[in-house]
Amino acid sequence: MSIKINASYRWLLEGLFWGVFMFLSMGVIYPWITDEVITQAGLIKSFIFWMGAGLIYGYFFVRWMRRRKDGKNR
């Protein structure tokens, strides 16, 4: 079964997935590996930052890919 994602929401989903991945890797795993103290305030700040960055990434990446795809069709 194939799930089709509405094109207008694709950037949102891609951005959120990227933001969650970056939050987990840079906000949780990296400090844990480097023996830094992980605080609740730090996690909240990191989560807000990476969700915002993920949404910006998702919007511009999908927009760039759409422009690139349209350019190849000409």
N, C-alpha and C. Protein backbone atom coordinates (compact mmCIF):
# COMPACT_ATOMS: atom_id res chain seq x y z
N MET A 1 0.84 -1.17 0.00
CA MET A 1 0.00 0.00 0.00
C MET A 1 0.90 1.24 0.00
N SER A 2 0.59 2.14 -0.89
CA SER A 2 1.37 3.36 -1.02
C SER A 2 0.61 4.54 -0.43
N ILE A 3 1.31 5.32 0.37
CA ILE A 3 0.71 6.50 0.97
C ILE A 3 1.17 7.71 0.17
N LYS A 4 0.22 8.46 -0.37
CA LYS A 4 0.57 9.66 -1.12
C LYS A 4 0.44 10.87 -0.20
N ILE A 5 1.47 11.69 -0.21
CA ILE A 5 1.51 12.89 0.61
C ILE A 5 1.15 14.07 -0.26
N ASN A 6 0.23 14.88 0.23
CA ASN A 6 -0.15 16.09 -0.47
C ASN A 6 1.09 16.96 -0.65
N ALA A 7 1.31 17.45 -1.85
CA ALA A 7 2.53 18.21 -2.16
C ALA A 7 2.65 19.47 -1.30
N SER A 8 1.53 20.05 -0.91
CA SER A 8 1.61 21.27 -0.12
C SER A 8 2.08 21.00 1.31
N TYR A 9 2.01 19.77 1.77
CA TYR A 9 2.46 19.42 3.12
C TYR A 9 3.79 18.67 3.13
N ARG A 10 4.34 18.40 1.98
CA ARG A 10 5.56 17.62 1.91
C ARG A 10 6.73 18.33 2.61
N TRP A 11 6.85 19.63 2.40
CA TRP A 11 7.94 20.37 3.03
C TRP A 11 7.83 20.33 4.54
N LEU A 12 6.60 20.35 5.03
CA LEU A 12 6.37 20.32 6.47
C LEU A 12 6.84 18.99 7.07
N LEU A 13 6.46 17.90 6.44
CA LEU A 13 6.85 16.58 6.94
C LEU A 13 8.36 16.37 6.84
N GLU A 14 8.94 16.74 5.71
CA GLU A 14 10.39 16.58 5.56
C GLU A 14 11.15 17.43 6.58
N GLY A 15 10.68 18.64 6.79
CA GLY A 15 11.33 19.51 7.75
C GLY A 15 11.23 19.00 9.18
N LEU A 16 10.06 18.48 9.54
CA LEU A 16 9.89 17.95 10.89
C LEU A 16 10.73 16.69 11.11
N PHE A 17 10.79 15.82 10.11
CA PHE A 17 11.63 14.63 10.24
C PHE A 17 13.10 15.01 10.38
N TRP A 18 13.54 15.98 9.58
CA TRP A 18 14.93 16.42 9.66
C TRP A 18 15.20 17.07 11.02
N GLY A 19 14.26 17.89 11.48
CA GLY A 19 14.42 18.54 12.78
C GLY A 19 14.49 17.54 13.93
N VAL A 20 13.64 16.53 13.89
CA VAL A 20 13.67 15.50 14.94
C VAL A 20 14.98 14.73 14.91
N PHE A 21 15.44 14.39 13.72
CA PHE A 21 16.71 13.68 13.59
C PHE A 21 17.86 14.51 14.15
N MET A 22 17.90 15.79 13.80
CA MET A 22 18.98 16.65 14.28
C MET A 22 18.88 16.89 15.78
N PHE A 23 17.66 17.02 16.29
CA PHE A 23 17.50 17.19 17.74
C PHE A 23 18.03 15.97 18.48
N LEU A 24 17.66 14.79 18.01
CA LEU A 24 18.13 13.58 18.69
C LEU A 24 19.64 13.42 18.59
N SER A 25 20.19 13.70 17.41
CA SER A 25 21.62 13.50 17.25
C SER A 25 22.44 14.59 17.92
N MET A 26 22.05 15.86 17.80
CA MET A 26 22.85 16.95 18.34
C MET A 26 22.43 17.38 19.75
N GLY A 27 21.19 17.13 20.12
CA GLY A 27 20.73 17.56 21.43
C GLY A 27 20.76 16.48 22.48
N VAL A 28 20.79 15.21 22.05
CA VAL A 28 20.76 14.12 23.02
C VAL A 28 21.99 13.22 22.88
N ILE A 29 22.22 12.68 21.71
CA ILE A 29 23.29 11.68 21.53
C ILE A 29 24.67 12.32 21.65
N TYR A 30 24.89 13.46 20.97
CA TYR A 30 26.22 14.09 21.01
C TYR A 30 26.62 14.50 22.43
N PRO A 31 25.76 15.19 23.18
CA PRO A 31 26.16 15.51 24.57
C PRO A 31 26.37 14.26 25.43
N TRP A 32 25.61 13.23 25.18
CA TRP A 32 25.76 11.99 25.94
C TRP A 32 27.12 11.34 25.65
N ILE A 33 27.53 11.35 24.37
CA ILE A 33 28.81 10.76 23.99
C ILE A 33 29.98 11.56 24.56
N THR A 34 29.85 12.89 24.55
CA THR A 34 30.94 13.75 25.02
C THR A 34 30.89 14.02 26.53
N ASP A 35 30.03 13.31 27.23
CA ASP A 35 29.90 13.43 28.69
C ASP A 35 29.54 14.84 29.15
N GLU A 36 28.75 15.55 28.36
CA GLU A 36 28.24 16.85 28.78
C GLU A 36 26.97 16.63 29.60
N VAL A 37 26.65 17.60 30.43
CA VAL A 37 25.44 17.53 31.24
C VAL A 37 24.24 17.85 30.34
N ILE A 38 23.23 17.00 30.38
CA ILE A 38 22.00 17.20 29.61
C ILE A 38 20.94 17.71 30.58
N THR A 39 20.52 18.96 30.38
CA THR A 39 19.52 19.55 31.27
C THR A 39 18.19 19.69 30.54
N GLN A 40 17.14 19.84 31.30
CA GLN A 40 15.82 20.02 30.72
C GLN A 40 15.75 21.31 29.91
N ALA A 41 16.31 22.37 30.44
CA ALA A 41 16.31 23.65 29.72
C ALA A 41 17.09 23.54 28.41
N GLY A 42 18.20 22.84 28.46
CA GLY A 42 18.99 22.63 27.24
C GLY A 42 18.25 21.83 26.20
N LEU A 43 17.52 20.82 26.65
CA LEU A 43 16.74 20.02 25.72
C LEU A 43 15.61 20.83 25.09
N ILE A 44 14.96 21.65 25.89
CA ILE A 44 13.87 22.47 25.35
C ILE A 44 14.39 23.47 24.33
N LYS A 45 15.50 24.14 24.65
CA LYS A 45 16.10 25.09 23.70
C LYS A 45 16.55 24.38 22.42
N SER A 46 17.15 23.23 22.57
CA SER A 46 17.60 22.47 21.42
C SER A 46 16.42 22.02 20.55
N PHE A 47 15.35 21.58 21.20
CA PHE A 47 14.17 21.12 20.47
C PHE A 47 13.56 22.27 19.67
N ILE A 48 13.40 23.42 20.30
CA ILE A 48 12.81 24.57 19.61
C ILE A 48 13.69 25.00 18.44
N PHE A 49 15.00 25.04 18.67
CA PHE A 49 15.92 25.44 17.61
C PHE A 49 15.86 24.48 16.42
N TRP A 50 15.95 23.17 16.68
CA TRP A 50 16.00 22.21 15.59
C TRP A 50 14.66 22.05 14.88
N MET A 51 13.55 22.27 15.56
CA MET A 51 12.25 22.24 14.86
C MET A 51 12.14 23.43 13.92
N GLY A 52 12.56 24.60 14.39
CA GLY A 52 12.56 25.78 13.52
C GLY A 52 13.49 25.62 12.33
N ALA A 53 14.70 25.13 12.60
CA ALA A 53 15.67 24.91 11.53
C ALA A 53 15.17 23.84 10.56
N GLY A 54 14.51 22.82 11.08
CA GLY A 54 13.96 21.78 10.22
C GLY A 54 12.87 22.29 9.30
N LEU A 55 12.01 23.15 9.82
CA LEU A 55 10.95 23.71 8.98
C LEU A 55 11.54 24.62 7.90
N ILE A 56 12.54 25.40 8.25
CA ILE A 56 13.20 26.24 7.25
C ILE A 56 13.88 25.37 6.20
N TYR A 57 14.58 24.34 6.65
CA TYR A 57 15.23 23.41 5.73
C TYR A 57 14.21 22.75 4.81
N GLY A 58 13.13 22.24 5.38
CA GLY A 58 12.12 21.56 4.57
C GLY A 58 11.51 22.47 3.54
N TYR A 59 11.20 23.69 3.91
CA TYR A 59 10.58 24.62 2.97
C TYR A 59 11.51 24.94 1.80
N PHE A 60 12.76 25.33 2.10
CA PHE A 60 13.67 25.73 1.04
C PHE A 60 14.17 24.54 0.23
N PHE A 61 14.35 23.39 0.85
CA PHE A 61 14.83 22.23 0.09
C PHE A 61 13.77 21.75 -0.90
N VAL A 62 12.53 21.65 -0.47
CA VAL A 62 11.47 21.21 -1.39
C VAL A 62 11.27 22.25 -2.48
N ARG A 63 11.35 23.52 -2.12
CA ARG A 63 11.21 24.59 -3.13
C ARG A 63 12.34 24.51 -4.14
N TRP A 64 13.57 24.27 -3.67
CA TRP A 64 14.72 24.17 -4.56
C TRP A 64 14.60 22.94 -5.47
N MET A 65 14.16 21.83 -4.91
CA MET A 65 14.00 20.62 -5.71
C MET A 65 12.91 20.80 -6.77
N ARG A 66 11.84 21.48 -6.42
CA ARG A 66 10.77 21.72 -7.39
C ARG A 66 11.28 22.60 -8.52
N ARG A 67 12.04 23.63 -8.19
CA ARG A 67 12.60 24.51 -9.22
C ARG A 67 13.58 23.75 -10.10
N ARG A 68 14.36 22.89 -9.50
CA ARG A 68 15.33 22.10 -10.26
C ARG A 68 14.62 21.12 -11.18
N LYS A 69 13.54 20.51 -10.69
CA LYS A 69 12.77 19.56 -11.50
C LYS A 69 12.10 20.28 -12.66
N ASP A 70 11.56 21.46 -12.41
CA ASP A 70 10.91 22.22 -13.48
C ASP A 70 11.92 22.66 -14.54
N GLY A 71 13.14 22.94 -14.14
CA GLY A 71 14.18 23.34 -15.09
C GLY A 71 14.62 22.21 -15.98
N LYS A 72 14.60 20.97 -15.48
CA LYS A 72 15.01 19.83 -16.30
C LYS A 72 13.96 19.47 -17.34
N ASN A 73 12.70 19.81 -17.09
CA ASN A 73 11.62 19.46 -18.01
C ASN A 73 11.58 20.37 -19.22
N ARG A 74 12.31 21.46 -19.20
CA ARG A 74 12.27 22.41 -20.33
C ARG A 74 13.18 22.01 -21.44
